[in-house]
N, C-alpha and C. Protein backbone atom coordinates (compact mmCIF):
# COMPACT_ATOMS: atom_id res chain seq x y z
N MET A 1 -5.41 -6.15 -18.14
CA MET A 1 -4.34 -5.37 -17.56
C MET A 1 -3.93 -6.04 -16.25
N LYS A 2 -2.66 -6.20 -16.04
CA LYS A 2 -2.12 -6.81 -14.83
C LYS A 2 -1.39 -5.74 -14.03
N VAL A 3 -1.71 -5.62 -12.76
CA VAL A 3 -1.02 -4.69 -11.88
C VAL A 3 -0.28 -5.51 -10.84
N ASN A 4 1.04 -5.49 -10.90
CA ASN A 4 1.85 -6.26 -9.97
C ASN A 4 2.05 -5.43 -8.71
N LEU A 5 1.49 -5.86 -7.60
CA LEU A 5 1.54 -5.09 -6.37
C LEU A 5 2.88 -5.20 -5.66
N ASN A 6 3.57 -6.27 -5.82
CA ASN A 6 4.87 -6.52 -5.17
C ASN A 6 4.78 -6.45 -3.65
N ILE A 7 3.58 -6.36 -3.09
CA ILE A 7 3.43 -6.42 -1.64
C ILE A 7 2.40 -7.48 -1.28
N ALA A 8 1.75 -8.01 -2.25
CA ALA A 8 0.74 -9.03 -2.02
C ALA A 8 0.57 -9.77 -3.33
N LEU A 9 -0.62 -10.17 -3.60
CA LEU A 9 -0.89 -10.87 -4.85
C LEU A 9 -1.12 -9.87 -5.98
N PRO A 10 -0.77 -10.24 -7.19
CA PRO A 10 -1.05 -9.35 -8.32
C PRO A 10 -2.56 -9.15 -8.49
N ALA A 11 -2.91 -8.06 -9.11
CA ALA A 11 -4.31 -7.79 -9.41
C ALA A 11 -4.48 -7.80 -10.92
N PHE A 12 -5.64 -8.20 -11.35
CA PHE A 12 -5.95 -8.23 -12.77
C PHE A 12 -7.18 -7.38 -13.00
N VAL A 13 -7.10 -6.50 -13.97
CA VAL A 13 -8.21 -5.64 -14.31
C VAL A 13 -8.54 -5.88 -15.78
N PHE A 14 -9.78 -6.18 -16.07
CA PHE A 14 -10.18 -6.47 -17.45
C PHE A 14 -11.40 -5.63 -17.78
N TRP A 15 -11.24 -4.71 -18.74
CA TRP A 15 -12.36 -3.86 -19.18
C TRP A 15 -12.12 -3.55 -20.65
N PRO A 16 -12.57 -4.44 -21.52
CA PRO A 16 -12.35 -4.25 -22.97
C PRO A 16 -12.90 -2.91 -23.44
N GLU A 17 -12.24 -2.33 -24.41
CA GLU A 17 -12.59 -1.07 -25.04
C GLU A 17 -12.42 0.15 -24.11
N VAL A 18 -12.01 -0.07 -22.88
CA VAL A 18 -11.73 1.04 -21.98
C VAL A 18 -10.27 1.01 -21.55
N LEU A 19 -9.80 -0.14 -21.12
CA LEU A 19 -8.42 -0.28 -20.66
C LEU A 19 -7.61 -1.07 -21.68
N ASN A 20 -6.45 -0.55 -22.02
CA ASN A 20 -5.55 -1.25 -22.93
C ASN A 20 -4.70 -2.25 -22.16
N PRO A 21 -4.39 -3.38 -22.75
CA PRO A 21 -3.53 -4.35 -22.07
C PRO A 21 -2.18 -3.73 -21.71
N ALA A 22 -1.74 -3.96 -20.50
CA ALA A 22 -0.46 -3.44 -20.03
C ALA A 22 -0.07 -4.18 -18.76
N ALA A 23 1.21 -4.20 -18.49
CA ALA A 23 1.71 -4.72 -17.22
C ALA A 23 2.29 -3.54 -16.45
N LEU A 24 1.81 -3.34 -15.26
CA LEU A 24 2.25 -2.21 -14.43
C LEU A 24 2.89 -2.74 -13.16
N THR A 25 3.86 -2.02 -12.64
CA THR A 25 4.52 -2.44 -11.42
C THR A 25 4.43 -1.39 -10.32
N ALA A 26 3.56 -0.43 -10.47
CA ALA A 26 3.40 0.62 -9.45
C ALA A 26 2.82 0.01 -8.18
N PRO A 27 3.31 0.45 -7.02
CA PRO A 27 2.74 -0.06 -5.77
C PRO A 27 1.36 0.54 -5.52
N VAL A 28 0.37 -0.28 -5.55
CA VAL A 28 -0.99 0.13 -5.23
C VAL A 28 -1.48 -0.76 -4.10
N HIS A 29 -2.61 -0.38 -3.53
CA HIS A 29 -3.12 -1.09 -2.37
C HIS A 29 -4.61 -1.33 -2.57
N VAL A 30 -5.14 -2.31 -1.90
CA VAL A 30 -6.56 -2.62 -2.03
C VAL A 30 -7.44 -1.41 -1.69
N VAL A 31 -6.96 -0.52 -0.82
CA VAL A 31 -7.75 0.66 -0.45
C VAL A 31 -7.91 1.64 -1.60
N ASP A 32 -7.14 1.47 -2.68
CA ASP A 32 -7.24 2.35 -3.84
C ASP A 32 -8.44 2.02 -4.73
N TRP A 33 -8.97 0.82 -4.62
CA TRP A 33 -9.98 0.40 -5.59
C TRP A 33 -11.29 1.17 -5.48
N MET A 34 -11.75 1.53 -4.28
CA MET A 34 -13.03 2.23 -4.18
C MET A 34 -12.97 3.58 -4.89
N SER A 35 -11.96 4.38 -4.60
CA SER A 35 -11.83 5.69 -5.27
C SER A 35 -11.65 5.53 -6.77
N THR A 36 -10.91 4.51 -7.16
CA THR A 36 -10.64 4.28 -8.58
C THR A 36 -11.91 3.86 -9.32
N ILE A 37 -12.65 2.93 -8.76
CA ILE A 37 -13.89 2.47 -9.41
C ILE A 37 -14.89 3.60 -9.49
N CYS A 38 -15.03 4.38 -8.42
CA CYS A 38 -15.94 5.54 -8.46
C CYS A 38 -15.54 6.51 -9.57
N ALA A 39 -14.25 6.77 -9.70
CA ALA A 39 -13.79 7.69 -10.74
C ALA A 39 -14.05 7.12 -12.14
N LEU A 40 -13.76 5.85 -12.34
CA LEU A 40 -13.97 5.23 -13.66
C LEU A 40 -15.43 5.21 -14.06
N LEU A 41 -16.33 5.11 -13.08
CA LEU A 41 -17.77 5.05 -13.37
C LEU A 41 -18.45 6.40 -13.22
N ASP A 42 -17.65 7.47 -13.03
CA ASP A 42 -18.19 8.82 -12.84
C ASP A 42 -19.18 8.90 -11.68
N ILE A 43 -18.89 8.20 -10.61
CA ILE A 43 -19.70 8.27 -9.40
C ILE A 43 -19.02 9.24 -8.45
N PRO A 44 -19.65 10.37 -8.17
CA PRO A 44 -18.99 11.34 -7.28
C PRO A 44 -18.93 10.80 -5.86
N GLU A 45 -17.79 11.02 -5.25
CA GLU A 45 -17.65 10.63 -3.85
C GLU A 45 -18.18 11.74 -2.97
N ALA A 46 -18.77 11.37 -1.86
CA ALA A 46 -19.27 12.36 -0.91
C ALA A 46 -18.10 13.22 -0.43
N LYS A 47 -18.37 14.49 -0.20
CA LYS A 47 -17.31 15.41 0.23
C LYS A 47 -16.69 14.99 1.55
N ASP A 48 -17.48 14.33 2.39
CA ASP A 48 -16.96 13.90 3.70
C ASP A 48 -16.54 12.43 3.70
N ALA A 49 -16.39 11.85 2.51
CA ALA A 49 -15.96 10.45 2.42
C ALA A 49 -14.56 10.29 3.01
N ARG A 50 -14.39 9.27 3.79
CA ARG A 50 -13.09 9.01 4.40
C ARG A 50 -12.48 7.79 3.70
N ARG A 51 -11.60 8.06 2.79
CA ARG A 51 -10.94 7.00 2.03
C ARG A 51 -9.45 7.05 2.31
N ASP A 52 -8.88 5.91 2.55
CA ASP A 52 -7.43 5.84 2.75
C ASP A 52 -6.70 5.77 1.41
N GLY A 53 -7.38 5.29 0.41
CA GLY A 53 -6.74 5.08 -0.88
C GLY A 53 -6.80 6.29 -1.78
N MET A 54 -6.23 6.11 -2.96
CA MET A 54 -6.24 7.18 -3.94
C MET A 54 -6.77 6.65 -5.27
N ASN A 55 -7.23 7.55 -6.09
CA ASN A 55 -7.73 7.21 -7.41
C ASN A 55 -6.54 6.91 -8.33
N ILE A 56 -6.41 5.67 -8.76
CA ILE A 56 -5.32 5.29 -9.65
C ILE A 56 -5.81 5.09 -11.08
N SER A 57 -7.01 5.61 -11.40
CA SER A 57 -7.53 5.44 -12.76
C SER A 57 -6.62 6.03 -13.83
N PRO A 58 -5.95 7.18 -13.60
CA PRO A 58 -5.03 7.66 -14.64
C PRO A 58 -3.93 6.65 -14.97
N LEU A 59 -3.45 5.95 -13.96
CA LEU A 59 -2.45 4.92 -14.19
C LEU A 59 -3.01 3.78 -15.03
N LEU A 60 -4.22 3.34 -14.70
CA LEU A 60 -4.85 2.25 -15.44
C LEU A 60 -5.18 2.65 -16.88
N LEU A 61 -5.55 3.91 -17.07
CA LEU A 61 -5.92 4.40 -18.40
C LEU A 61 -4.71 4.81 -19.23
N GLY A 62 -3.52 4.80 -18.62
CA GLY A 62 -2.31 5.18 -19.34
C GLY A 62 -2.19 6.67 -19.58
N GLU A 63 -2.98 7.49 -18.87
CA GLU A 63 -2.97 8.94 -19.09
C GLU A 63 -1.74 9.59 -18.47
N ASN A 64 -1.44 9.23 -17.27
CA ASN A 64 -0.24 9.73 -16.60
C ASN A 64 0.08 8.82 -15.43
N LYS A 65 1.20 9.05 -14.85
CA LYS A 65 1.61 8.22 -13.72
C LYS A 65 1.44 9.01 -12.43
N PRO A 66 0.53 8.60 -11.55
CA PRO A 66 0.42 9.29 -10.27
C PRO A 66 1.71 9.10 -9.46
N PRO A 67 1.96 9.97 -8.51
CA PRO A 67 3.19 9.86 -7.72
C PRO A 67 3.12 8.69 -6.74
N LEU A 68 3.40 7.49 -7.23
CA LEU A 68 3.27 6.30 -6.41
C LEU A 68 4.60 5.74 -5.91
N VAL A 69 5.70 6.18 -6.49
CA VAL A 69 6.98 5.56 -6.20
C VAL A 69 7.35 5.65 -4.72
N ASN A 70 7.28 6.82 -4.12
CA ASN A 70 7.65 6.97 -2.72
C ASN A 70 6.45 7.07 -1.79
N ARG A 71 5.33 6.64 -2.26
CA ARG A 71 4.10 6.65 -1.49
C ARG A 71 4.22 5.70 -0.30
N GLU A 72 3.72 6.13 0.85
CA GLU A 72 3.70 5.26 2.02
C GLU A 72 2.43 4.43 2.00
N LEU A 73 2.59 3.13 2.10
CA LEU A 73 1.46 2.22 2.22
C LEU A 73 1.53 1.59 3.60
N TYR A 74 0.44 1.65 4.33
CA TYR A 74 0.39 1.16 5.70
C TYR A 74 -0.78 0.20 5.84
N TRP A 75 -0.57 -0.86 6.58
CA TRP A 75 -1.68 -1.76 6.89
C TRP A 75 -1.39 -2.50 8.18
N GLN A 76 -2.49 -2.96 8.81
CA GLN A 76 -2.39 -3.70 10.05
C GLN A 76 -2.89 -5.11 9.85
N GLY A 77 -2.33 -6.00 10.64
CA GLY A 77 -2.78 -7.38 10.63
C GLY A 77 -3.99 -7.55 11.53
N VAL A 78 -4.49 -8.75 11.56
CA VAL A 78 -5.67 -9.08 12.36
C VAL A 78 -5.36 -8.86 13.84
N HIS A 79 -6.30 -8.27 14.54
CA HIS A 79 -6.21 -8.02 15.97
C HIS A 79 -5.00 -7.15 16.33
N HIS A 80 -4.52 -6.37 15.38
CA HIS A 80 -3.41 -5.43 15.61
C HIS A 80 -2.15 -6.13 16.11
N LYS A 81 -1.95 -7.38 15.74
CA LYS A 81 -0.76 -8.12 16.18
C LYS A 81 0.41 -7.91 15.24
N SER A 82 0.17 -7.28 14.12
CA SER A 82 1.25 -6.94 13.20
C SER A 82 0.85 -5.70 12.43
N ALA A 83 1.85 -5.05 11.87
CA ALA A 83 1.61 -3.88 11.02
C ALA A 83 2.77 -3.79 10.06
N ALA A 84 2.56 -3.09 8.95
CA ALA A 84 3.62 -2.93 7.96
C ALA A 84 3.52 -1.56 7.32
N LEU A 85 4.68 -1.11 6.87
CA LEU A 85 4.76 0.16 6.14
C LEU A 85 5.69 -0.07 4.96
N ARG A 86 5.22 0.33 3.80
CA ARG A 86 6.07 0.29 2.61
C ARG A 86 6.27 1.72 2.13
N LYS A 87 7.51 2.04 1.83
CA LYS A 87 7.84 3.33 1.21
C LYS A 87 8.90 3.03 0.17
N GLY A 88 8.59 3.35 -1.08
CA GLY A 88 9.50 2.99 -2.16
C GLY A 88 9.70 1.49 -2.20
N ASN A 89 10.94 1.06 -2.21
CA ASN A 89 11.23 -0.38 -2.23
C ASN A 89 11.41 -0.97 -0.85
N CYS A 90 11.31 -0.16 0.19
CA CYS A 90 11.53 -0.65 1.55
C CYS A 90 10.20 -1.01 2.21
N LYS A 91 10.22 -2.11 2.94
CA LYS A 91 9.04 -2.54 3.67
C LYS A 91 9.46 -2.92 5.07
N LEU A 92 8.83 -2.29 6.07
CA LEU A 92 9.06 -2.59 7.47
C LEU A 92 7.85 -3.34 8.00
N VAL A 93 8.10 -4.43 8.69
CA VAL A 93 7.02 -5.23 9.29
C VAL A 93 7.30 -5.32 10.78
N ILE A 94 6.28 -5.10 11.58
CA ILE A 94 6.41 -5.25 13.02
C ILE A 94 5.41 -6.31 13.47
N HIS A 95 5.91 -7.29 14.19
CA HIS A 95 5.09 -8.37 14.75
C HIS A 95 5.07 -8.19 16.26
N ARG A 96 3.89 -8.19 16.83
CA ARG A 96 3.76 -8.03 18.28
C ARG A 96 3.51 -9.40 18.90
N HIS A 97 4.45 -9.85 19.71
CA HIS A 97 4.33 -11.11 20.44
C HIS A 97 4.42 -10.79 21.92
N ASN A 98 3.31 -10.96 22.62
CA ASN A 98 3.23 -10.59 24.04
C ASN A 98 3.63 -9.13 24.18
N GLU A 99 4.65 -8.83 24.92
CA GLU A 99 5.08 -7.44 25.08
C GLU A 99 6.31 -7.11 24.25
N LYS A 100 6.78 -8.04 23.45
CA LYS A 100 8.00 -7.85 22.68
C LYS A 100 7.66 -7.73 21.19
N ASP A 101 8.31 -6.78 20.53
CA ASP A 101 8.10 -6.59 19.09
C ASP A 101 9.25 -7.20 18.31
N LYS A 102 8.91 -7.80 17.17
CA LYS A 102 9.93 -8.29 16.25
C LYS A 102 9.84 -7.44 14.99
N LEU A 103 10.96 -6.88 14.58
CA LEU A 103 10.99 -6.01 13.40
C LEU A 103 11.66 -6.72 12.24
N GLU A 104 11.12 -6.51 11.06
CA GLU A 104 11.72 -7.02 9.84
C GLU A 104 11.75 -5.90 8.82
N LEU A 105 12.85 -5.80 8.10
CA LEU A 105 13.02 -4.80 7.06
C LEU A 105 13.45 -5.51 5.79
N PHE A 106 12.78 -5.18 4.68
CA PHE A 106 13.09 -5.82 3.41
C PHE A 106 13.28 -4.78 2.32
N ASP A 107 14.15 -5.07 1.37
CA ASP A 107 14.30 -4.27 0.15
C ASP A 107 13.62 -5.07 -0.94
N LEU A 108 12.41 -4.66 -1.29
CA LEU A 108 11.60 -5.43 -2.24
C LEU A 108 12.16 -5.43 -3.65
N SER A 109 13.05 -4.49 -3.96
CA SER A 109 13.64 -4.47 -5.30
C SER A 109 14.62 -5.62 -5.50
N THR A 110 15.25 -6.06 -4.43
CA THR A 110 16.21 -7.16 -4.53
C THR A 110 15.73 -8.42 -3.83
N ASP A 111 14.68 -8.30 -3.01
CA ASP A 111 14.18 -9.42 -2.21
C ASP A 111 12.65 -9.42 -2.19
N PRO A 112 12.02 -9.66 -3.34
CA PRO A 112 10.56 -9.58 -3.39
C PRO A 112 9.85 -10.64 -2.56
N TYR A 113 10.55 -11.72 -2.21
CA TYR A 113 9.92 -12.78 -1.42
C TYR A 113 10.21 -12.63 0.08
N GLU A 114 10.85 -11.53 0.45
CA GLU A 114 11.07 -11.16 1.84
C GLU A 114 11.77 -12.26 2.62
N LYS A 115 12.91 -12.68 2.12
CA LYS A 115 13.70 -13.73 2.78
C LYS A 115 14.89 -13.18 3.55
N ASN A 116 15.33 -11.95 3.26
CA ASN A 116 16.54 -11.38 3.84
C ASN A 116 16.18 -10.19 4.73
N ASN A 117 16.08 -10.43 6.03
CA ASN A 117 15.73 -9.39 6.99
C ASN A 117 16.93 -8.46 7.20
N LEU A 118 16.78 -7.20 6.82
CA LEU A 118 17.86 -6.22 6.91
C LEU A 118 17.78 -5.35 8.16
N SER A 119 16.89 -5.66 9.09
CA SER A 119 16.66 -4.77 10.22
C SER A 119 17.90 -4.54 11.08
N GLU A 120 18.73 -5.55 11.27
CA GLU A 120 19.93 -5.37 12.09
C GLU A 120 21.03 -4.64 11.33
N LYS A 121 21.04 -4.76 10.00
CA LYS A 121 22.06 -4.09 9.19
C LYS A 121 21.73 -2.63 8.91
N GLU A 122 20.46 -2.26 9.04
CA GLU A 122 20.01 -0.91 8.70
C GLU A 122 19.22 -0.27 9.84
N PRO A 123 19.83 -0.11 11.02
CA PRO A 123 19.07 0.41 12.17
C PRO A 123 18.54 1.83 11.96
N SER A 124 19.25 2.68 11.24
CA SER A 124 18.76 4.05 11.04
C SER A 124 17.53 4.06 10.13
N LEU A 125 17.53 3.20 9.12
CA LEU A 125 16.36 3.10 8.25
C LEU A 125 15.18 2.51 9.01
N VAL A 126 15.43 1.51 9.84
CA VAL A 126 14.36 0.94 10.67
C VAL A 126 13.76 2.02 11.55
N SER A 127 14.60 2.83 12.19
CA SER A 127 14.12 3.90 13.06
C SER A 127 13.27 4.90 12.30
N LYS A 128 13.74 5.30 11.14
CA LYS A 128 13.01 6.26 10.31
C LYS A 128 11.65 5.70 9.88
N MET A 129 11.65 4.45 9.43
CA MET A 129 10.40 3.85 8.97
C MET A 129 9.46 3.55 10.14
N LEU A 130 10.01 3.22 11.29
CA LEU A 130 9.17 2.97 12.46
C LEU A 130 8.46 4.24 12.88
N LYS A 131 9.15 5.38 12.81
CA LYS A 131 8.51 6.68 13.12
C LYS A 131 7.37 6.95 12.13
N ALA A 132 7.61 6.67 10.85
CA ALA A 132 6.56 6.87 9.84
C ALA A 132 5.38 5.93 10.08
N LEU A 133 5.66 4.69 10.49
CA LEU A 133 4.60 3.73 10.78
C LEU A 133 3.76 4.20 11.96
N VAL A 134 4.40 4.74 12.98
CA VAL A 134 3.67 5.25 14.14
C VAL A 134 2.75 6.41 13.73
N ILE A 135 3.25 7.29 12.87
CA ILE A 135 2.43 8.40 12.38
C ILE A 135 1.22 7.88 11.62
N GLN A 136 1.44 6.90 10.75
CA GLN A 136 0.32 6.31 9.98
C GLN A 136 -0.67 5.64 10.93
N LYS A 137 -0.17 4.94 11.93
CA LYS A 137 -1.06 4.26 12.88
C LYS A 137 -1.94 5.26 13.61
N LYS A 138 -1.39 6.42 13.98
CA LYS A 138 -2.18 7.45 14.66
C LYS A 138 -3.29 7.99 13.76
N LYS A 139 -3.05 8.02 12.45
CA LYS A 139 -4.07 8.51 11.51
C LYS A 139 -5.11 7.45 11.22
N ASP A 140 -4.82 6.20 11.56
CA ASP A 140 -5.73 5.10 11.27
C ASP A 140 -7.00 5.22 12.11
N ASN A 141 -8.12 4.99 11.47
CA ASN A 141 -9.41 5.07 12.16
C ASN A 141 -10.16 3.77 11.87
N ASP A 142 -10.27 2.92 12.88
CA ASP A 142 -10.92 1.63 12.69
C ASP A 142 -12.43 1.71 12.65
N ALA A 143 -12.99 2.86 12.98
CA ALA A 143 -14.44 2.99 12.97
C ALA A 143 -14.95 2.89 11.54
N LEU A 144 -16.09 2.26 11.38
CA LEU A 144 -16.69 2.15 10.05
C LEU A 144 -17.16 3.51 9.58
N PRO A 145 -16.88 3.85 8.32
CA PRO A 145 -17.33 5.16 7.81
C PRO A 145 -18.83 5.19 7.61
N ASN A 146 -19.39 6.40 7.61
CA ASN A 146 -20.82 6.57 7.38
C ASN A 146 -21.19 6.51 5.91
N ASP A 147 -20.18 6.59 5.03
CA ASP A 147 -20.48 6.61 3.60
C ASP A 147 -20.51 5.20 3.08
C-alpha cells in the first residue's frame, strides 16, 4: 500500500493478508504512525498518552475515510527556525532569519513541488493560516512524554 503524503516523501506500508494494495492520497503525518500501529496491533494506549497524531488504520484497512481533508498539520523545523501548517491543499511556511520572518504560501493541488509562492497574492489567506499556525504552536509541547 502506498500513501502519498504530498507534504514530504511517500510512505509505503506492506502487510500481506491484512492490508489490500491501494494508492491513497490523504494527507497524513509521521505523528500518525504510533497511534495507527498501536491500533493495528491491538495495543491499548495509556489514557494519559500525549499523541499529536491520529489513528489512520481505518483508512489503511479501507473501512472508512477519517476526516483528513481539512485537517491541520503542523510541524517545526530544527531549532525552531522554521514552521509550517497545512490545511486542505494550502501550506504556509514561515522561515525565521534573525528577527525577520519570510512567509511562503503554496497550493499543493496545483503546485506540489512548492515553486509558486502565493503569499503576496493571498494576504488574507496568509493571515488566517498564520493565526492557525500560532494556535498550533501554543499547543506544541517539546517536552518528552512519559509514555
